[in-house]
Protein backbone atom coordinates (compact mmCIF):
# COMPACT_ATOMS: atom_id res chain seq x y z
CA UNK A 1 0.00 0.00 0.00
CA UNK A 2 1.42 3.39 -0.98
CA UNK A 3 2.08 5.81 1.87
CA UNK A 4 -0.78 8.27 2.45
CA UNK A 5 -3.28 6.36 0.32
CA UNK A 6 -6.87 7.56 0.76
CA UNK A 7 -8.75 4.39 1.59
CA UNK A 8 -11.72 6.12 3.23
CA UNK A 9 -12.74 7.71 -0.06
CA UNK A 10 -12.91 4.25 -1.62
CA UNK A 11 -15.67 3.20 0.76
CA UNK A 12 -19.18 2.81 -0.70
CA UNK A 13 -21.16 6.03 -0.82
CA UNK A 14 -23.74 4.65 1.62
CA UNK A 15 -21.02 4.05 4.23
CA UNK A 16 -19.65 7.56 3.78
CA UNK A 17 -23.13 9.02 4.20
CA UNK A 18 -23.59 7.03 7.39
CA UNK A 19 -20.31 8.38 8.78
CA UNK A 20 -21.34 11.95 7.96
CA UNK A 21 -24.70 11.37 9.64
CA UNK A 22 -22.92 10.77 12.95
CA UNK A 23 -21.21 14.17 12.88
CA UNK A 24 -22.64 17.54 13.95
CA UNK A 25 -23.78 19.38 10.83
CA UNK A 26 -21.00 21.97 10.90
CA UNK A 27 -18.35 19.22 11.03
CA UNK A 28 -20.06 17.27 8.23
CA UNK A 29 -19.94 20.37 6.01
CA UNK A 30 -16.22 20.87 6.76
CA UNK A 31 -15.44 17.49 5.14
CA UNK A 32 -15.96 19.14 1.75
CA UNK A 33 -12.32 20.35 1.88
CA UNK A 34 -10.83 16.88 2.39
CA UNK A 35 -10.75 16.00 -1.28
CA UNK A 36 -12.51 16.73 -4.55
CA UNK A 37 -14.59 13.56 -4.17
CA UNK A 38 -15.84 14.74 -0.74
CA UNK A 39 -17.08 18.09 -1.99
CA UNK A 40 -20.79 17.20 -2.09
CA UNK A 41 -21.15 14.14 0.15
CA UNK A 42 -22.53 16.23 3.04
CA UNK A 43 -25.41 17.41 0.85
CA UNK A 44 -26.81 13.86 0.59
CA UNK A 45 -26.23 12.51 4.11
CA UNK A 46 -29.46 10.78 5.26
CA UNK A 47 -29.28 12.32 8.74
CA UNK A 48 -28.47 15.86 9.90
CA UNK A 49 -27.59 16.86 13.46
CA UNK A 50 -27.70 20.54 14.38
CA UNK A 51 -26.13 21.33 17.77
CA UNK A 52 -25.59 24.81 19.21
CA UNK A 53 -25.98 27.65 18.98
CA UNK A 54 -24.31 29.21 22.05
CA UNK A 55 -20.92 28.00 20.78
CA UNK A 56 -21.23 30.08 17.63
CA UNK A 57 -19.79 33.56 17.35
CA UNK A 58 -22.85 35.75 17.07
CA UNK A 59 -25.13 33.08 18.56
CA UNK A 60 -28.49 32.63 16.90
CA UNK A 61 -27.71 35.38 14.35
CA UNK A 62 -24.97 33.35 12.68
CA UNK A 63 -26.22 29.87 13.50
CA UNK A 64 -29.64 30.58 11.94
CA UNK A 65 -28.36 31.42 8.44
CA UNK A 66 -26.09 28.35 8.53
CA UNK A 67 -29.07 26.03 9.20
CA UNK A 68 -31.15 27.81 6.54
CA UNK A 69 -28.37 27.44 3.97
CA UNK A 70 -27.68 23.78 4.75
CA UNK A 71 -31.32 22.74 4.43
CA UNK A 72 -31.66 24.63 1.15
CA UNK A 73 -28.45 23.10 -0.19
CA UNK A 74 -29.56 19.49 0.09
CA UNK A 75 -28.63 17.80 -3.19
CA UNK A 76 -31.45 17.19 -5.65
CA UNK A 77 -34.11 17.15 -2.96
CA UNK A 78 -32.35 14.24 -1.18
CA UNK A 79 -34.78 12.98 1.51
CA UNK A 80 -33.89 13.01 5.20
CA UNK A 81 -34.19 9.89 7.30
CA UNK A 82 -33.68 11.91 10.47
CA UNK A 83 -33.13 15.52 11.47
CA UNK A 84 -31.99 16.39 14.98
CA UNK A 85 -32.08 19.92 16.40
CA UNK A 86 -30.40 20.20 19.80
CA UNK A 87 -30.26 23.92 20.50
CA UNK A 88 -29.08 25.99 23.45
CA UNK A 89 -30.09 29.59 22.87
CA UNK A 90 -28.89 32.51 24.99
CA UNK A 91 -31.14 35.51 24.34
CA UNK A 92 -28.98 38.31 25.67
CA UNK A 93 -30.34 41.17 23.57
CA UNK A 94 -33.82 41.44 25.05
CA UNK A 95 -37.25 40.65 23.73
CA UNK A 96 -36.29 41.37 20.15
CA UNK A 97 -34.48 38.03 20.10
CA UNK A 98 -37.59 35.95 20.85
CA UNK A 99 -39.68 36.47 17.69
CA UNK A 100 -36.59 36.30 15.50
CA UNK A 101 -35.54 33.00 17.06
CA UNK A 102 -39.08 31.60 16.73
CA UNK A 103 -39.22 32.55 13.04
CA UNK A 104 -35.99 30.64 12.49
CA UNK A 105 -37.22 27.63 14.47
CA UNK A 106 -40.54 27.30 12.67
CA UNK A 107 -38.88 27.73 9.30
CA UNK A 108 -36.41 24.92 10.07
CA UNK A 109 -39.15 22.52 11.06
CA UNK A 110 -41.13 23.22 7.86
CA UNK A 111 -38.05 22.81 5.67
CA UNK A 112 -37.20 19.49 7.33
CA UNK A 113 -40.74 18.28 6.67
CA UNK A 114 -40.47 19.32 3.02
CA UNK A 115 -37.32 17.20 2.82
CA UNK A 116 -39.50 14.19 3.70
CA UNK A 117 -37.88 13.69 7.11
CA UNK A 118 -39.10 10.53 8.85
CA UNK A 119 -37.58 11.08 12.31
CA UNK A 120 -37.64 14.67 13.61
CA UNK A 121 -36.26 15.63 17.00
CA UNK A 122 -36.45 19.23 18.13
CA UNK A 123 -35.02 20.21 21.52
CA UNK A 124 -34.51 23.82 22.47
CA UNK A 125 -33.28 25.24 25.77
CA UNK A 126 -33.60 29.00 26.05
CA UNK A 127 -31.87 31.29 28.56
CA UNK A 128 -33.68 33.02 30.24
CA UNK A 129 -35.98 30.01 30.54
CA UNK A 130 -39.06 30.21 28.33
CA UNK A 131 -40.72 27.87 25.83
CA UNK A 132 -40.21 28.41 22.13
CA UNK A 133 -43.62 29.03 20.54
CA UNK A 134 -44.49 26.99 17.47
CA UNK A 135 -46.66 28.29 14.65
CA UNK A 136 -50.39 27.78 15.11
CA UNK A 137 -50.89 25.57 12.07
CA UNK A 138 -50.74 21.79 11.63
CA UNK A 139 -47.58 19.94 10.75
CA UNK A 140 -48.15 18.29 7.39
CA UNK A 141 -46.11 15.32 6.19
CA UNK A 142 -46.89 11.95 4.66
CA UNK A 143 -43.45 10.66 5.67
CA UNK A 144 -43.00 11.70 9.33
CA UNK A 145 -43.09 8.61 11.58
CA UNK A 146 -41.42 9.88 14.76
CA UNK A 147 -41.51 13.31 16.41
CA UNK A 148 -39.84 14.54 19.58
CA UNK A 149 -40.51 18.02 20.97
CA UNK A 150 -38.62 19.39 23.98
CA UNK A 151 -38.89 22.92 25.37
CA UNK A 152 -41.54 24.23 22.97
CA UNK A 153 -44.97 25.83 23.37
CA UNK A 154 -47.71 24.08 21.46
CA UNK A 155 -51.13 25.15 20.28
CA UNK A 156 -54.31 23.70 18.79
CA UNK A 157 -52.89 23.76 15.27
CA UNK A 158 -49.54 22.08 15.78
CA UNK A 159 -50.93 19.42 18.16
CA UNK A 160 -53.47 18.24 15.62
CA UNK A 161 -51.52 15.54 13.82
CA UNK A 162 -54.26 14.56 11.37
CA UNK A 163 -52.04 15.77 8.52
CA UNK A 164 -49.27 13.33 9.52
CA UNK A 165 -50.90 9.98 8.60
CA UNK A 166 -47.68 7.97 9.10
CA UNK A 167 -46.85 9.38 12.56
CA UNK A 168 -46.54 6.54 15.08
CA UNK A 169 -44.21 7.81 17.80
CA UNK A 170 -44.55 11.13 19.67
CA UNK A 171 -42.55 12.33 22.64
CA UNK A 172 -43.07 15.65 24.41
CA UNK A 173 -40.93 16.82 27.31
CA UNK A 174 -40.74 20.10 29.21
CA UNK A 175 -43.33 21.67 26.89
CA UNK A 176 -46.17 24.11 27.42
CA UNK A 177 -49.07 22.23 25.80
CA UNK A 178 -51.10 25.38 25.10
CA UNK A 179 -54.15 23.60 23.66
CA UNK A 180 -57.44 22.06 24.73
CA UNK A 181 -57.13 19.34 22.06
CA UNK A 182 -54.50 16.80 21.03
CA UNK A 183 -55.31 14.39 18.22
CA UNK A 184 -53.69 11.78 16.00
CA UNK A 185 -55.50 8.90 14.26
CA UNK A 186 -52.26 6.98 13.61
CA UNK A 187 -50.14 7.45 16.74
CA UNK A 188 -49.09 4.22 18.49
CA UNK A 189 -46.56 5.35 21.11
CA UNK A 190 -46.91 8.50 23.22
CA UNK A 191 -44.66 9.85 25.98
CA UNK A 192 -45.49 13.11 27.75
CA UNK A 193 -43.13 14.10 30.56
CA UNK A 194 -42.75 17.28 32.64
CA UNK A 195 -45.21 19.24 30.49
CA UNK A 196 -47.56 22.03 31.52
CA UNK A 197 -51.29 21.74 30.82
CA UNK A 198 -53.94 24.41 31.41
CA UNK A 199 -54.84 24.96 35.05
CA UNK A 200 -58.53 25.81 34.49
CA UNK A 201 -59.41 23.76 31.38
CA UNK A 202 -58.87 20.12 30.53
CA UNK A 203 -57.06 19.09 27.38
CA UNK A 204 -58.92 16.44 25.39
CA UNK A 205 -56.61 13.71 24.07
CA UNK A 206 -57.77 11.52 21.18
CA UNK A 207 -55.38 8.76 20.11
CA UNK A 208 -57.53 5.81 19.00
CA UNK A 209 -54.60 3.72 17.69
CA UNK A 210 -52.35 4.15 20.73
CA UNK A 211 -50.52 1.02 21.95
CA UNK A 212 -48.10 2.47 24.53
CA UNK A 213 -48.75 5.49 26.77
CA UNK A 214 -46.48 7.23 29.30
CA UNK A 215 -47.72 10.25 31.21
CA UNK A 216 -45.13 11.27 33.80
CA UNK A 217 -44.92 14.19 36.26
CA UNK A 218 -46.90 16.77 34.32
CA UNK A 219 -48.55 19.89 35.74
CA UNK A 220 -51.96 21.54 35.43
CA UNK A 221 -55.32 19.81 35.01
CA UNK A 222 -55.42 16.09 34.37
CA UNK A 223 -56.32 15.70 30.66
CA UNK A 224 -59.49 13.99 29.47
CA UNK A 225 -58.73 10.77 27.62
CA UNK A 226 -60.88 9.30 24.90
CA UNK A 227 -61.11 5.55 24.33
CA UNK A 228 -57.92 3.77 23.22
CA UNK A 229 -59.05 0.26 22.23
CA UNK A 230 -55.57 -0.92 21.11
CA UNK A 231 -53.76 0.17 24.29
CA UNK A 232 -51.41 -2.45 25.73
CA UNK A 233 -49.18 -0.67 28.26
CA UNK A 234 -49.66 2.55 30.23
CA UNK A 235 -47.53 4.21 32.90
CA UNK A 236 -49.06 7.22 34.66
CA UNK A 237 -47.49 9.22 37.47
CA UNK A 238 -48.83 12.40 39.03
CA UNK A 239 -46.58 14.16 41.52
CA UNK A 240 -47.13 17.45 43.34
CA UNK A 241 -47.64 19.60 40.25
CA UNK A 242 -51.30 19.15 39.40
CA UNK A 243 -54.39 21.26 40.05
CA UNK A 244 -56.92 18.48 40.69
CA UNK A 245 -56.79 18.57 44.47
CA UNK A 246 -59.28 19.94 46.95
CA UNK A 247 -58.03 22.71 49.21
CA UNK A 248 -60.43 21.42 51.89
CA UNK A 249 -58.98 17.92 51.79
CA UNK A 250 -62.00 16.23 50.21
CA UNK A 251 -62.03 13.44 47.63
CA UNK A 252 -65.43 14.52 46.36
CA UNK A 253 -66.77 17.98 45.47
CA UNK A 254 -66.51 20.19 48.54
CA UNK A 255 -68.98 22.73 47.12
CA UNK A 256 -66.75 25.63 48.12
CA UNK A 257 -66.62 28.27 45.35
CA UNK A 258 -63.25 29.45 46.64
CA UNK A 259 -61.75 25.97 46.18
CA UNK A 260 -59.87 26.26 42.91
CA UNK A 261 -59.52 22.50 42.49
CA UNK A 262 -63.22 21.64 42.83
CA UNK A 263 -64.65 24.76 41.18
CA UNK A 264 -62.92 24.13 37.84
CA UNK A 265 -63.15 20.35 37.96
CA UNK A 266 -65.82 20.06 35.25
CA UNK A 267 -64.88 23.16 33.25
CA UNK A 268 -65.71 23.87 30.49
CA UNK A 269 -68.24 21.03 29.98
CA UNK A 270 -69.97 18.41 32.07
CA UNK A 271 -68.62 14.89 31.81
CA UNK A 272 -68.36 11.80 33.96
CA UNK A 273 -65.08 9.90 33.68
CA UNK A 274 -62.01 12.08 33.05
CA UNK A 275 -58.96 9.85 32.72
CA UNK A 276 -59.36 6.17 33.65
CA UNK A 277 -62.01 5.34 31.05
CA UNK A 278 -59.45 6.02 28.33
CA UNK A 279 -57.19 3.35 29.87
CA UNK A 280 -59.89 0.70 30.29
CA UNK A 281 -58.59 -1.49 27.42
CA UNK A 282 -55.01 -1.68 28.70
CA UNK A 283 -53.32 -4.98 29.64
CA UNK A 284 -50.36 -3.62 31.66
CA UNK A 285 -51.02 -0.57 33.85
CA UNK A 286 -49.07 1.47 36.41
CA UNK A 287 -50.92 4.22 38.30
CA UNK A 288 -49.01 6.44 40.71
CA UNK A 289 -50.23 9.60 42.40
CA UNK A 290 -50.36 11.25 45.78
CA UNK A 291 -53.41 10.27 47.85
CA UNK A 292 -55.00 13.73 47.55
CA UNK A 293 -55.35 13.43 43.75
CA UNK A 294 -59.09 12.91 43.57
CA UNK A 295 -59.48 12.34 39.80
CA UNK A 296 -58.84 8.60 39.97
CA UNK A 297 -61.16 8.12 42.93
CA UNK A 298 -63.97 10.07 41.26
CA UNK A 299 -63.41 8.29 37.94
CA UNK A 300 -64.03 4.90 39.52
CA UNK A 301 -67.68 5.84 40.03
CA UNK A 302 -68.17 5.97 36.24
CA UNK A 303 -65.38 3.87 34.79
CA UNK A 304 -66.14 0.60 32.93
CA UNK A 305 -64.39 -2.63 33.89
CA UNK A 306 -60.77 -3.21 32.87
CA UNK A 307 -61.64 -6.37 30.96
CA UNK A 308 -58.14 -6.95 29.47
CA UNK A 309 -55.98 -5.94 32.43
CA UNK A 310 -53.40 -8.56 33.47
CA UNK A 311 -50.70 -6.59 35.31
CA UNK A 312 -51.48 -3.70 37.66
CA UNK A 313 -49.24 -1.49 39.82
CA UNK A 314 -50.95 0.90 42.24
CA UNK A 315 -48.78 3.42 44.05
CA UNK A 316 -49.79 5.79 46.87
CA UNK A 317 -53.21 7.07 45.78
CA UNK A 318 -55.18 3.83 46.27
CA UNK A 319 -54.80 3.97 50.07
CA UNK A 320 -57.22 6.90 50.41
CA UNK A 321 -60.99 6.58 50.74
CA UNK A 322 -60.94 3.33 52.71
CA UNK A 323 -58.94 1.46 50.04
CA UNK A 324 -61.99 1.63 47.78
CA UNK A 325 -59.76 1.80 44.67
CA UNK A 326 -58.09 -1.49 45.55
CA UNK A 327 -61.48 -3.11 46.12
CA UNK A 328 -62.78 -1.67 42.83
CA UNK A 329 -59.97 -3.22 40.79
CA UNK A 330 -60.36 -6.58 42.52
CA UNK A 331 -63.99 -6.57 41.37
CA UNK A 332 -63.55 -5.01 37.92
CA UNK A 333 -60.42 -6.65 36.47
CA UNK A 334 -61.51 -10.24 35.71
CA UNK A 335 -58.22 -11.28 34.02
CA UNK A 336 -55.83 -9.70 36.53
CA UNK A 337 -52.80 -11.95 37.09
CA UNK A 338 -50.29 -9.80 38.97
CA UNK A 339 -51.04 -6.97 41.41
CA UNK A 340 -48.32 -4.78 42.91
CA UNK A 341 -49.19 -2.34 45.70
CA UNK A 342 -46.95 0.48 46.93
CA UNK A 343 -48.76 2.16 49.84
CA UNK A 344 -47.86 5.44 51.49
CA UNK A 345 -48.90 7.53 54.45
CA UNK A 346 -52.19 9.41 54.15
CA UNK A 347 -53.34 12.62 55.81
CA UNK A 348 -56.00 11.86 58.41
CA UNK A 349 -58.62 14.03 56.69
CA UNK A 350 -58.33 11.86 53.58
CA UNK A 351 -58.47 8.52 55.36
CA UNK A 352 -61.64 7.41 57.09
CA UNK A 353 -61.34 5.22 60.13
CA UNK A 354 -62.07 1.60 59.32
CA UNK A 355 -63.29 -0.39 62.30
CA UNK A 356 -63.82 -3.69 60.47
CA UNK A 357 -64.16 -5.16 57.01
CA UNK A 358 -67.31 -6.99 56.22
CA UNK A 359 -66.93 -10.19 54.25
CA UNK A 360 -67.48 -9.50 50.57
CA UNK A 361 -68.37 -11.94 47.88
CA UNK A 362 -65.22 -13.22 46.20
CA UNK A 363 -63.74 -10.77 43.71
CA UNK A 364 -63.76 -11.72 40.05
CA UNK A 365 -59.99 -11.15 39.95
CA UNK A 366 -59.28 -13.86 42.52
CA UNK A 367 -59.59 -16.77 40.08
CA UNK A 368 -56.82 -15.51 37.75
CA UNK A 369 -54.67 -13.63 40.24
CA UNK A 370 -51.32 -15.38 40.66
CA UNK A 371 -49.46 -13.01 42.96
CA UNK A 372 -50.02 -9.89 45.02
CA UNK A 373 -46.80 -8.07 45.85
CA UNK A 374 -46.82 -5.37 48.53
CA UNK A 375 -43.78 -3.07 48.60
CA UNK A 376 -43.54 -0.90 51.71
CA UNK A 377 -41.00 0.75 53.96
CA UNK A 378 -42.39 -0.70 57.17
CA UNK A 379 -45.20 -2.83 58.50
CA UNK A 380 -47.82 -0.36 59.66
CA UNK A 381 -51.56 0.08 60.00
CA UNK A 382 -52.05 0.66 56.27
CA UNK A 383 -50.37 -2.62 55.41
CA UNK A 384 -52.56 -4.47 57.88
CA UNK A 385 -55.70 -2.94 56.40
CA UNK A 386 -54.55 -3.96 52.91
CA UNK A 387 -54.13 -7.53 54.10
CA UNK A 388 -57.64 -7.48 55.57
CA UNK A 389 -59.08 -6.24 52.27
CA UNK A 390 -57.26 -8.93 50.32
CA UNK A 391 -58.53 -11.61 52.69
CA UNK A 392 -62.08 -10.29 52.54
CA UNK A 393 -61.96 -10.44 48.75
CA UNK A 394 -60.90 -14.06 48.59
CA UNK A 395 -57.16 -13.69 47.95
CA UNK A 396 -55.38 -16.62 49.65
CA UNK A 397 -52.34 -15.78 51.76
CA UNK A 398 -49.99 -17.99 49.75
CA UNK A 399 -50.39 -15.60 46.81
CA UNK A 400 -49.32 -12.56 48.85
CA UNK A 401 -45.72 -11.46 49.17
CA UNK A 402 -44.46 -8.51 51.19
CA UNK A 403 -41.26 -6.66 50.39
CA UNK A 404 -40.39 -4.66 53.47
CA UNK A 405 -36.97 -3.14 54.19
CA UNK A 406 -35.53 -5.05 51.24
CA UNK A 407 -36.75 -8.39 52.64
CA UNK A 408 -39.03 -10.44 50.38
CA UNK A 409 -40.99 -13.21 52.15
CA UNK A 410 -44.44 -14.76 51.75
CA UNK A 411 -47.06 -13.53 54.20
CA UNK A 412 -47.36 -17.04 55.58
CA UNK A 413 -44.81 -19.78 55.09
CA UNK A 414 -43.85 -22.76 57.26
CA UNK A 415 -40.34 -21.30 57.51
CA UNK A 416 -41.47 -17.77 58.30
CA UNK A 417 -41.91 -18.30 62.04
CA UNK A 418 -38.44 -19.68 62.62
CA UNK A 419 -36.98 -16.91 60.46
CA UNK A 420 -38.77 -14.20 62.43
CA UNK A 421 -37.71 -15.81 65.72
CA UNK A 422 -34.09 -15.80 64.60
CA UNK A 423 -34.26 -12.21 63.37
CA UNK A 424 -36.04 -11.05 66.54
CA UNK A 425 -33.28 -12.48 68.71
CA UNK A 426 -30.49 -11.23 66.44
CA UNK A 427 -31.80 -7.70 65.95
CA UNK A 428 -33.69 -7.14 69.17
CA UNK A 429 -31.90 -3.85 69.74
CA UNK A 430 -33.15 -2.45 66.40
CA UNK A 431 -36.42 -0.87 67.41
CA UNK A 432 -37.84 -0.41 63.92
CA UNK A 433 -37.28 -4.04 62.99
CA UNK A 434 -38.78 -5.33 66.23
CA UNK A 435 -41.76 -3.05 65.71
CA UNK A 436 -42.30 -4.55 62.26
CA UNK A 437 -42.21 -8.09 63.64
CA UNK A 438 -44.60 -7.25 66.45
CA UNK A 439 -47.06 -5.67 64.05
CA UNK A 440 -46.98 -8.79 61.87
CA UNK A 441 -47.64 -10.90 64.95
CA UNK A 442 -50.43 -8.53 66.01
CA UNK A 443 -52.04 -9.08 62.65
CA UNK A 444 -51.85 -12.87 62.86
CA UNK A 445 -53.00 -12.81 66.49
CA UNK A 446 -56.04 -10.69 65.71
CA UNK A 447 -57.25 -12.09 62.38
CA UNK A 448 -58.41 -15.65 63.06
CA UNK A 449 -59.71 -16.40 59.57
CA UNK A 450 -56.29 -17.20 58.11
CA UNK A 451 -55.25 -20.86 58.04
CA UNK A 452 -53.37 -22.10 61.12
CA UNK A 453 -54.95 -19.38 63.33
CA UNK A 454 -53.37 -17.29 66.01
CA UNK A 455 -52.44 -20.16 68.33
CA UNK A 456 -49.89 -21.34 65.77
CA UNK A 457 -47.95 -18.12 66.23
CA UNK A 458 -48.39 -17.56 69.95
CA UNK A 459 -47.30 -21.14 70.69
CA UNK A 460 -44.21 -20.70 68.53
CA UNK A 461 -43.17 -17.55 70.31
C-alpha cells in the first residue's frame, strides 16, 4: 500500500453518508475540503444533526443562516431519514431576540418536513428560561413517523396531527401544551413528561390507535382521555404539580366556590369519567399519584371494567378513601394476574377510620390472580388494612408477598416463624425491625380467619 493512500474515499457512498450522519452538521460540512470527491457528500447525508448555537460567534444570528443554507443546499431534494435539532439559545439582547428565534425555528421545522424527514427531534433550551412558541398551524407530512418536541410551546394547530398519517411515535418533554385538544389517528406510542397543561381547562386527548402510553410528572389539570381500544401498556405518574386537588382535603366535590380544584373540575363542559375510562382497554397498567389526587377516585364511580388488564401497579393514591380503589380493581379486572401495591402515608382528613371489614363476595380477579406483591417501607396500620381487604376479597395468603426493608418473604410460610424468631433475637436492639415483627404478629393474632390461626404463632413464640 502506498504511503498516504486515501482508503476512506474508496468506501461505498452509503457508508460515507452514514459516517457523515454521525457528525454535527458543521463538522459534516467541513469534510468538503478533504478532497474533490468529498465536496458534495454532506449534501446527501441521510441524517443531519444541528447542535448549538451558544458556541457560535454571534449566537443565533450566525447559526440561523447556517441552518437555513444547509437545508436549502440538500442535493437534488435528497430525503432526510432523520433531522436532529439540539439547540441551546442565549437571548442576551432582550425581547427582540424571541420572535426572531421563533421565526428561524418554525422555518427549520417546515423545511425538514419538506425534505420528507421521517424522524424529527427538536429540543430547544432558552436562557432566560421560556418555551419556544411553534406556529399555530398543523404539521403536514406523509413521511413523518417519529416526532420529539422538547422545550416548545404548542397550540391547537400544531398538536393536531391529522395531517401526519404515518406518525406513530410522539414524545413531548418540558413543553407548554397550550391547547385544549391533542389528536392523532395513527399514533401508536406516546410519551409526555414534565409538560404544563392548562390549570382551568382540561385538554382532550384523542389517540384511537395508541398502543403504549407514558404520562409522567406533568402539571396543570389532568387531561381527558378518549377511548384507546388498542392500548397495551400505560404508565401514569402524578406528583405534586397538578391542580386536581381539593383545598379542603376532600375526595369529592366540597362545594366551596373558593376551592380552585373543585370549582374548575368540570370546566368547560360536564362529563363523567375524566382519565381512567381512556385506559380501560389496557393490559399492563401502572398508576401512581399522591393520595390527595381525587381524579382517579372520582373516575371509579363511572369507569367501565378493565376487561383486558393482566398486570397492575398501584402506588400511593389507592390507600385513600378506605382502600376503595383497591377493592374496585379486585372486582372489575376479571383477568388480573399480577397486582403490585406500593402504599404510602395518608393525611388523616383523607383517610376514614375503618373499624372492620365486612366479608365481601369473592372478587372476580381472585380466580386468575397469581401473585399480590406489597412493597412498603415498614409494617404499619395501612399494610394491615390492605391484608384485611385482600382476605375479605378471597385472595389466599400464599399468593401474597411482602417486600419490606428489602426483605421479600411470603405472608405465611412454614419457615417464616423460625426466620422471624431468629431475626427477633439477632436484631432485638433495632427498634424499627422489632416493631415490624410485632405488628406482623399482632395481625396474625387478631385475624383468626387465616389458616393455622393465632395459636400457631403464639405457641411458637
